[in-house]
Amino acid sequence: MQRQRDPRIYQIATLAALVAYGASRLDLEIQLAAATVIIATALATQFLCTKLFSLPRFDPRSALISSLSLCLLLRTGSMSLVVGTTAIAIASKFFLRIDGRHVFNPTNFGL
């Protein structure tokens, strides 16, 4: 029996490639400092919410997808806005739920 692969892995790889290509070749004005803060904040928020909601394990995949999407879409010179937007986006997955599923796309909600 063949195991089914998680499609989020491919989505993370594609988004990471888009961020790298966009920053290096397309001049999308992706700042390394902002991208680093976005990814770190997303993973930290995911970890904290996992503990707060007593989930059985930390899973970074969804947070990585949202954070890489924010790297592509969020443009601001304010690091506090970067942190706030990212934390709100990830936390919305935990706080805004119906029937166990998050209501909004976290990246769109944060933006």
Protein backbone atom coordinates (compact mmCIF):
# COMPACT_ATOMS: atom_id res chain seq x y z
CA MET A 1 0.00 0.00 0.00
CA GLN A 2 1.37 3.40 -0.98
CA ARG A 3 1.42 6.19 1.59
CA GLN A 4 -0.24 9.40 0.54
CA ARG A 5 2.12 12.36 0.56
CA ASP A 6 1.12 15.56 2.30
CA PRO A 7 0.45 18.18 -0.41
CA ARG A 8 1.47 20.94 2.00
CA ILE A 9 5.10 19.88 1.53
CA TYR A 10 4.87 20.71 -2.16
CA GLN A 11 3.11 23.98 -1.38
CA ILE A 12 5.88 24.97 1.07
CA ALA A 13 8.55 24.12 -1.50
CA THR A 14 6.78 26.09 -4.23
CA LEU A 15 6.22 29.13 -2.02
CA ALA A 16 9.84 29.04 -0.79
CA ALA A 17 11.04 28.90 -4.41
CA LEU A 18 8.76 31.84 -5.29
CA VAL A 19 10.11 33.88 -2.38
CA ALA A 20 13.71 33.11 -3.34
CA TYR A 21 13.12 33.76 -7.04
CA GLY A 22 11.10 36.88 -6.34
CA ALA A 23 13.78 38.32 -4.10
CA SER A 24 16.75 37.40 -6.29
CA ARG A 25 15.45 37.79 -9.85
CA LEU A 26 12.18 39.69 -9.91
CA ASP A 27 13.05 42.49 -7.51
CA LEU A 28 9.89 41.99 -5.46
CA GLU A 29 11.45 44.04 -2.66
CA ILE A 30 11.35 41.16 -0.21
CA GLN A 31 13.49 42.27 2.73
CA LEU A 32 15.49 39.48 4.34
CA ALA A 33 14.96 40.92 7.83
CA ALA A 34 11.18 41.15 7.36
CA ALA A 35 10.99 37.64 5.86
CA THR A 36 12.99 36.24 8.78
CA VAL A 37 10.74 37.98 11.32
CA ILE A 38 7.59 36.80 9.51
CA ILE A 39 8.69 33.16 9.51
CA ALA A 40 9.97 33.25 13.11
CA THR A 41 6.79 34.96 14.36
CA ALA A 42 4.55 32.52 12.51
CA LEU A 43 6.33 29.48 13.94
CA ALA A 44 6.41 30.96 17.45
CA THR A 45 2.70 31.83 17.31
CA GLN A 46 1.86 28.35 15.99
CA PHE A 47 3.89 26.80 18.82
CA LEU A 48 2.30 28.99 21.51
CA CYS A 49 -1.23 28.36 20.23
CA THR A 50 -0.52 24.63 20.05
CA LYS A 51 0.37 24.72 23.76
CA LEU A 52 -2.48 27.10 24.66
CA PHE A 53 -5.08 24.84 23.01
CA SER A 54 -3.43 21.66 24.37
CA LEU A 55 -2.98 20.11 20.94
CA PRO A 56 -1.09 16.81 20.86
CA ARG A 57 1.82 18.05 18.74
CA PHE A 58 3.34 21.07 17.06
CA ASP A 59 2.93 21.03 13.27
CA PRO A 60 4.78 23.85 11.47
CA ARG A 61 3.48 23.18 7.94
CA SER A 62 0.43 25.44 7.97
CA ALA A 63 2.38 28.24 9.65
CA LEU A 64 5.12 27.95 7.03
CA ILE A 65 2.59 28.20 4.21
CA SER A 66 1.02 31.31 5.75
CA SER A 67 4.37 32.91 6.55
CA LEU A 68 5.80 32.35 3.07
CA SER A 69 2.62 33.81 1.58
CA LEU A 70 3.01 36.83 3.85
CA CYS A 71 6.61 37.20 2.68
CA LEU A 72 5.27 37.52 -0.86
CA LEU A 73 2.37 39.84 -0.08
CA LEU A 74 3.16 42.01 2.94
CA ARG A 75 5.02 45.26 2.24
CA THR A 76 5.71 47.60 5.14
CA GLY A 77 8.64 49.34 6.73
CA SER A 78 7.31 48.71 10.23
CA MET A 79 8.62 45.60 12.00
CA SER A 80 5.89 45.92 14.63
CA LEU A 81 3.30 45.74 11.83
CA VAL A 82 5.10 42.68 10.42
CA VAL A 83 4.99 40.94 13.80
CA GLY A 84 1.39 41.96 14.51
CA THR A 85 0.07 40.95 11.10
CA THR A 86 1.83 37.59 11.26
CA ALA A 87 0.69 36.82 14.81
CA ILE A 88 -2.92 37.77 13.99
CA ALA A 89 -2.86 35.64 10.84
CA ILE A 90 -1.62 32.51 12.62
CA ALA A 91 -3.70 33.02 15.79
CA SER A 92 -6.85 33.41 13.68
CA LYS A 93 -6.56 29.72 12.75
CA PHE A 94 -7.03 28.82 16.40
CA PHE A 95 -9.54 31.42 17.57
CA LEU A 96 -11.88 31.76 14.57
CA ARG A 97 -13.17 28.24 14.02
CA ILE A 98 -16.43 26.60 13.03
CA ASP A 99 -16.82 22.81 13.28
CA GLY A 100 -13.12 22.44 14.05
CA ARG A 101 -11.92 24.27 10.92
CA HIS A 102 -10.55 27.76 10.61
CA VAL A 103 -13.00 30.16 8.98
CA PHE A 104 -10.69 32.44 7.02
CA ASN A 105 -7.53 31.97 5.01
CA PRO A 106 -5.02 33.06 7.70
CA THR A 107 -2.87 35.13 5.33
CA ASN A 108 -5.85 36.99 3.91
CA PHE A 109 -7.24 37.57 7.39
CA GLY A 110 -3.90 38.99 8.57
CA LEU A 111 -3.58 41.29 5.60
